[in-house]
Amino acid sequence: MPGGEVTADGLIAVGQVAKKYGLYTKITGGQRVDLFGARLEQLPLIWEELIAAGFESGHAYGKSLRTVKSCVGSTWCRYGVGDSVGFAVALENRYKGLRSPHKIKFGVSGCTRECAEAQGKDVGIIATEKGWNLYVCGNGGMKPRHAELLAADLDQETLIKYVDRFLMFYAVSTI
């Protein structure tokens, strides 16, 4: 569910699968839907139904990009100055499946109110009146820390180049 977006039909499909197989469902902080309680032999059937509904397997347990969390951005929020959802979807599609030494989480906020908690992510992006600010090396968990501002007021194309290079550096320097 790139950017946390899901259609009504998608929600219905998830609900039908959960009901059919007796699964516990949980909306995650990363804007995903977790399904718990499936038996091993049910997994291929469950995934067949979810894939037919337009979903794909996530990377919830791998050393890879986990999520790109987004607020509703300028489309739905009166404070939004950037299309955080559209940018989050583009970033997730660009980097999904990327293998890394550790899990990676992104956040994209449409304004400095920071509803997507971008500064608490490995890569955080916050819209400004002049472009996008890029933050890196944030962390939640047992030792939380705010990310560091790497670059300010970038256009999307330049920001993506910075993220590409940061991820390359991260992949080779943390092995």
C-alpha atoms as a PDB file:
ATOM      1  CA  MET A   1       0.000   0.000   0.000  1.00  0.00           C
ATOM      2  CA  PRO A   2       2.390   2.695  -1.187  1.00  0.00           C
ATOM      3  CA  GLY A   3       1.893   5.942   0.697  1.00  0.00           C
ATOM      4  CA  GLY A   4      -0.737   4.246   2.856  1.00  0.00           C
ATOM      5  CA  GLU A   5      -3.294   4.620   0.060  1.00  0.00           C
ATOM      6  CA  VAL A   6      -5.965   1.989  -0.425  1.00  0.00           C
ATOM      7  CA  THR A   7      -9.226   1.985  -2.359  1.00  0.00           C
ATOM      8  CA  ALA A   8     -12.598   1.025  -0.928  1.00  0.00           C
ATOM      9  CA  ASP A   9     -12.468  -2.160  -3.011  1.00  0.00           C
ATOM     10  CA  GLY A  10      -9.017  -2.904  -1.596  1.00  0.00           C
ATOM     11  CA  LEU A  11     -10.273  -2.526   1.968  1.00  0.00           C
ATOM     12  CA  ILE A  12     -13.216  -4.791   1.193  1.00  0.00           C
ATOM     13  CA  ALA A  13     -10.876  -7.429  -0.280  1.00  0.00           C
ATOM     14  CA  VAL A  14      -8.639  -7.353   2.815  1.00  0.00           C
ATOM     15  CA  GLY A  15     -11.698  -7.596   5.046  1.00  0.00           C
ATOM     16  CA  GLN A  16     -13.097 -10.530   3.099  1.00  0.00           C
ATOM     17  CA  VAL A  17      -9.779 -12.395   3.285  1.00  0.00           C
ATOM     18  CA  ALA A  18      -9.473 -11.681   7.012  1.00  0.00           C
ATOM     19  CA  LYS A  19     -13.017 -12.879   7.634  1.00  0.00           C
ATOM     20  CA  LYS A  20     -12.671 -15.990   5.449  1.00  0.00           C
ATOM     21  CA  TYR A  21      -9.489 -17.158   7.206  1.00  0.00           C
ATOM     22  CA  GLY A  22     -10.290 -15.854  10.705  1.00  0.00           C
ATOM     23  CA  LEU A  23      -7.344 -13.449  10.759  1.00  0.00           C
ATOM     24  CA  TYR A  24      -6.655 -10.679  13.248  1.00  0.00           C
ATOM     25  CA  THR A  25      -6.138  -7.366  11.432  1.00  0.00           C
ATOM     26  CA  LYS A  26      -4.138  -4.370  12.634  1.00  0.00           C
ATOM     27  CA  ILE A  27      -3.534  -0.978  11.038  1.00  0.00           C
ATOM     28  CA  THR A  28       0.171  -0.323  11.618  1.00  0.00           C
ATOM     29  CA  GLY A  29       2.036   2.876  12.389  1.00  0.00           C
ATOM     30  CA  GLY A  30       3.642   2.476   8.965  1.00  0.00           C
ATOM     31  CA  GLN A  31       0.237   2.775   7.271  1.00  0.00           C
ATOM     32  CA  ARG A  32      -0.129  -0.866   6.386  1.00  0.00           C
ATOM     33  CA  VAL A  33      -2.607  -3.592   7.290  1.00  0.00           C
ATOM     34  CA  ASP A  34      -1.121  -6.568   9.099  1.00  0.00           C
ATOM     35  CA  LEU A  35      -2.942  -9.892   9.018  1.00  0.00           C
ATOM     36  CA  PHE A  36      -2.132 -12.292  11.867  1.00  0.00           C
ATOM     37  CA  GLY A  37      -3.036 -15.875  12.643  1.00  0.00           C
ATOM     38  CA  ALA A  38      -2.805 -17.605   9.285  1.00  0.00           C
ATOM     39  CA  ARG A  39      -1.663 -21.186   9.223  1.00  0.00           C
ATOM     40  CA  LEU A  40       1.310 -21.960   6.997  1.00  0.00           C
ATOM     41  CA  GLU A  41      -0.765 -23.971   4.528  1.00  0.00           C
ATOM     42  CA  GLN A  42      -3.194 -21.017   4.174  1.00  0.00           C
ATOM     43  CA  LEU A  43      -0.557 -18.511   3.092  1.00  0.00           C
ATOM     44  CA  PRO A  44      -0.482 -19.386  -0.643  1.00  0.00           C
ATOM     45  CA  LEU A  45      -4.291 -19.166  -0.798  1.00  0.00           C
ATOM     46  CA  ILE A  46      -4.376 -15.880   1.101  1.00  0.00           C
ATOM     47  CA  TRP A  47      -1.709 -14.350  -1.131  1.00  0.00           C
ATOM     48  CA  GLU A  48      -3.458 -15.578  -4.258  1.00  0.00           C
ATOM     49  CA  GLU A  49      -6.605 -13.704  -3.199  1.00  0.00           C
ATOM     50  CA  LEU A  50      -4.753 -10.550  -2.151  1.00  0.00           C
ATOM     51  CA  ILE A  51      -2.679 -10.448  -5.342  1.00  0.00           C
ATOM     52  CA  ALA A  52      -5.864 -10.879  -7.403  1.00  0.00           C
ATOM     53  CA  ALA A  53      -7.206  -7.812  -5.561  1.00  0.00           C
ATOM     54  CA  GLY A  54      -4.145  -5.769  -6.585  1.00  0.00           C
ATOM     55  CA  PHE A  55      -1.940  -6.124  -3.525  1.00  0.00           C
ATOM     56  CA  GLU A  56       1.653  -7.313  -3.388  1.00  0.00           C
ATOM     57  CA  SER A  57       3.685  -8.885  -0.640  1.00  0.00           C
ATOM     58  CA  GLY A  58       5.290  -6.393   1.692  1.00  0.00           C
ATOM     59  CA  HIS A  59       8.776  -6.423   3.099  1.00  0.00           C
ATOM     60  CA  ALA A  60       7.729  -6.418   6.742  1.00  0.00           C
ATOM     61  CA  TYR A  61      10.494  -8.719   7.927  1.00  0.00           C
ATOM     62  CA  GLY A  62      13.320  -8.216   5.459  1.00  0.00           C
ATOM     63  CA  LYS A  63      16.364  -6.010   5.493  1.00  0.00           C
ATOM     64  CA  SER A  64      14.885  -3.640   2.951  1.00  0.00           C
ATOM     65  CA  LEU A  65      12.654  -0.619   2.570  1.00  0.00           C
ATOM     66  CA  ARG A  66       9.719  -1.200   4.891  1.00  0.00           C
ATOM     67  CA  THR A  67       7.397   1.739   4.355  1.00  0.00           C
ATOM     68  CA  VAL A  68       7.176   5.287   3.125  1.00  0.00           C
ATOM     69  CA  LYS A  69       4.776   6.861   5.599  1.00  0.00           C
ATOM     70  CA  SER A  70       2.886   9.937   4.447  1.00  0.00           C
ATOM     71  CA  CYS A  71       0.483  12.505   5.791  1.00  0.00           C
ATOM     72  CA  VAL A  72      -2.388  13.614   3.520  1.00  0.00           C
ATOM     73  CA  GLY A  73      -0.386  16.594   2.250  1.00  0.00           C
ATOM     74  CA  SER A  74      -1.646  19.492   0.177  1.00  0.00           C
ATOM     75  CA  THR A  75      -4.440  17.418  -1.355  1.00  0.00           C
ATOM     76  CA  TRP A  76      -6.469  17.170   1.865  1.00  0.00           C
ATOM     77  CA  CYS A  77      -4.795  19.371   4.497  1.00  0.00           C
ATOM     78  CA  ARG A  78      -5.117  23.149   4.685  1.00  0.00           C
ATOM     79  CA  TYR A  79      -1.539  23.401   5.972  1.00  0.00           C
ATOM     80  CA  GLY A  80       0.004  21.193   3.294  1.00  0.00           C
ATOM     81  CA  VAL A  81       2.400  22.874   0.888  1.00  0.00           C
ATOM     82  CA  GLY A  82       3.504  19.717  -0.946  1.00  0.00           C
ATOM     83  CA  ASP A  83       1.917  16.571  -2.379  1.00  0.00           C
ATOM     84  CA  SER A  84       3.333  14.241   0.243  1.00  0.00           C
ATOM     85  CA  VAL A  85       1.171  11.271  -0.758  1.00  0.00           C
ATOM     86  CA  GLY A  86       2.168  11.437  -4.426  1.00  0.00           C
ATOM     87  CA  PHE A  87       5.825  11.835  -3.520  1.00  0.00           C
ATOM     88  CA  ALA A  88       5.648   8.974  -0.982  1.00  0.00           C
ATOM     89  CA  VAL A  89       4.093   6.668  -3.582  1.00  0.00           C
ATOM     90  CA  ALA A  90       6.796   7.585  -6.118  1.00  0.00           C
ATOM     91  CA  LEU A  91       9.558   6.974  -3.558  1.00  0.00           C
ATOM     92  CA  GLU A  92       8.116   3.652  -2.431  1.00  0.00           C
ATOM     93  CA  ASN A  93       7.779   2.462  -6.014  1.00  0.00           C
ATOM     94  CA  ARG A  94      11.357   3.558  -6.733  1.00  0.00           C
ATOM     95  CA  TYR A  95      12.978   1.871  -3.736  1.00  0.00           C
ATOM     96  CA  LYS A  96      10.708  -1.096  -2.936  1.00  0.00           C
ATOM     97  CA  GLY A  97      12.623  -4.337  -2.797  1.00  0.00           C
ATOM     98  CA  LEU A  98      15.912  -2.512  -2.237  1.00  0.00           C
ATOM     99  CA  ARG A  99      18.059  -4.761  -0.075  1.00  0.00           C
ATOM    100  CA  SER A 100      20.097  -3.125   2.653  1.00  0.00           C
ATOM    101  CA  PRO A 101      22.143  -4.000   5.739  1.00  0.00           C
ATOM    102  CA  HIS A 102      19.162  -3.104   7.966  1.00  0.00           C
ATOM    103  CA  LYS A 103      15.521  -2.171   7.541  1.00  0.00           C
ATOM    104  CA  ILE A 104      14.881   1.299   6.122  1.00  0.00           C
ATOM    105  CA  LYS A 105      11.896   3.537   6.815  1.00  0.00           C
ATOM    106  CA  PHE A 106      10.949   6.766   5.056  1.00  0.00           C
ATOM    107  CA  GLY A 107       8.512   9.504   6.034  1.00  0.00           C
ATOM    108  CA  VAL A 108       7.119  12.285   3.837  1.00  0.00           C
ATOM    109  CA  SER A 109       5.338  15.234   5.470  1.00  0.00           C
ATOM    110  CA  GLY A 110       3.473  17.855   3.458  1.00  0.00           C
ATOM    111  CA  CYS A 111       4.405  20.689   5.824  1.00  0.00           C
ATOM    112  CA  THR A 112       6.495  21.444   8.889  1.00  0.00           C
ATOM    113  CA  ARG A 113       3.732  20.222  11.204  1.00  0.00           C
ATOM    114  CA  GLU A 114       5.348  16.832  10.489  1.00  0.00           C
ATOM    115  CA  CYS A 115       2.323  14.511  10.672  1.00  0.00           C
ATOM    116  CA  ALA A 116       4.262  11.672   8.975  1.00  0.00           C
ATOM    117  CA  GLU A 117       6.988  11.849  11.644  1.00  0.00           C
ATOM    118  CA  ALA A 118       9.621  12.237   8.937  1.00  0.00           C
ATOM    119  CA  GLN A 119      12.375  13.315  11.325  1.00  0.00           C
ATOM    120  CA  GLY A 120      12.068   9.994  13.151  1.00  0.00           C
ATOM    121  CA  LYS A 121      12.815   7.950  10.028  1.00  0.00           C
ATOM    122  CA  ASP A 122      15.990   6.825   8.274  1.00  0.00           C
ATOM    123  CA  VAL A 123      15.028   9.144   5.415  1.00  0.00           C
ATOM    124  CA  GLY A 124      12.666  12.008   6.173  1.00  0.00           C
ATOM    125  CA  ILE A 125      11.274  14.496   3.696  1.00  0.00           C
ATOM    126  CA  ILE A 126       9.326  17.622   4.635  1.00  0.00           C
ATOM    127  CA  ALA A 127       7.673  20.019   2.189  1.00  0.00           C
ATOM    128  CA  THR A 128       8.518  23.704   2.442  1.00  0.00           C
ATOM    129  CA  GLU A 129       7.282  26.748   0.536  1.00  0.00           C
ATOM    130  CA  LYS A 130      10.437  26.469  -1.628  1.00  0.00           C
ATOM    131  CA  GLY A 131      10.685  22.697  -2.143  1.00  0.00           C
ATOM    132  CA  TRP A 132      11.562  19.768   0.095  1.00  0.00           C
ATOM    133  CA  ASN A 133      13.904  19.399   3.084  1.00  0.00           C
ATOM    134  CA  LEU A 134      15.798  16.110   3.318  1.00  0.00           C
ATOM    135  CA  TYR A 135      16.594  14.600   6.718  1.00  0.00           C
ATOM    136  CA  VAL A 136      18.633  11.442   7.289  1.00  0.00           C
ATOM    137  CA  CYS A 137      19.552   9.076  10.121  1.00  0.00           C
ATOM    138  CA  GLY A 138      16.483   9.463  12.302  1.00  0.00           C
ATOM    139  CA  ASN A 139      15.426   6.576  14.482  1.00  0.00           C
ATOM    140  CA  GLY A 140      12.604   5.383  16.689  1.00  0.00           C
ATOM    141  CA  GLY A 141      12.854   2.386  18.963  1.00  0.00           C
ATOM    142  CA  MET A 142      14.868   2.023  22.131  1.00  0.00           C
ATOM    143  CA  LYS A 143      17.194   4.955  21.435  1.00  0.00           C
ATOM    144  CA  PRO A 144      15.154   7.458  19.414  1.00  0.00           C
ATOM    145  CA  ARG A 145      16.819  10.404  17.718  1.00  0.00           C
ATOM    146  CA  HIS A 146      15.752  13.115  15.347  1.00  0.00           C
ATOM    147  CA  ALA A 147      17.213  12.990  11.874  1.00  0.00           C
ATOM    148  CA  GLU A 148      19.825  15.465  10.671  1.00  0.00           C
ATOM    149  CA  LEU A 149      19.001  18.011   7.982  1.00  0.00           C
ATOM    150  CA  LEU A 150      21.066  17.012   4.938  1.00  0.00           C
ATOM    151  CA  ALA A 151      19.717  19.529   2.413  1.00  0.00           C
ATOM    152  CA  ALA A 152      17.020  22.199   2.274  1.00  0.00           C
ATOM    153  CA  ASP A 153      14.516  23.442  -0.298  1.00  0.00           C
ATOM    154  CA  LEU A 154      15.311  20.847  -2.979  1.00  0.00           C
ATOM    155  CA  ASP A 155      13.183  20.112  -6.020  1.00  0.00           C
ATOM    156  CA  GLN A 156      11.957  16.503  -6.248  1.00  0.00           C
ATOM    157  CA  GLU A 157      14.435  15.444  -8.929  1.00  0.00           C
ATOM    158  CA  THR A 158      17.436  16.718  -6.966  1.00  0.00           C
ATOM    159  CA  LEU A 159      16.109  15.250  -3.728  1.00  0.00           C
ATOM    160  CA  ILE A 160      15.825  11.810  -5.339  1.00  0.00           C
ATOM    161  CA  LYS A 161      19.466  12.066  -6.466  1.00  0.00           C
ATOM    162  CA  TYR A 162      20.475  12.860  -2.882  1.00  0.00           C
ATOM    163  CA  VAL A 163      18.461   9.909  -1.563  1.00  0.00           C
ATOM    164  CA  ASP A 164      20.020   7.592  -4.175  1.00  0.00           C
ATOM    165  CA  ARG A 165      23.492   8.586  -3.044  1.00  0.00           C
ATOM    166  CA  PHE A 166      22.643   8.419   0.647  1.00  0.00           C
ATOM    167  CA  LEU A 167      21.285   4.886   0.219  1.00  0.00           C
ATOM    168  CA  MET A 168      24.394   3.838  -1.726  1.00  0.00           C
ATOM    169  CA  PHE A 169      26.592   5.216   1.059  1.00  0.00           C
ATOM    170  CA  TYR A 170      24.426   3.542   3.697  1.00  0.00           C
ATOM    171  CA  ALA A 171      24.584   0.171   1.953  1.00  0.00           C
ATOM    172  CA  VAL A 172      28.375   0.106   1.697  1.00  0.00           C
ATOM    173  CA  SER A 173      29.276   1.779   4.997  1.00  0.00           C
ATOM    174  CA  THR A 174      27.170  -0.339   7.357  1.00  0.00           C
ATOM    175  CA  ILE A 175      28.227  -3.786   6.187  1.00  0.00           C
END
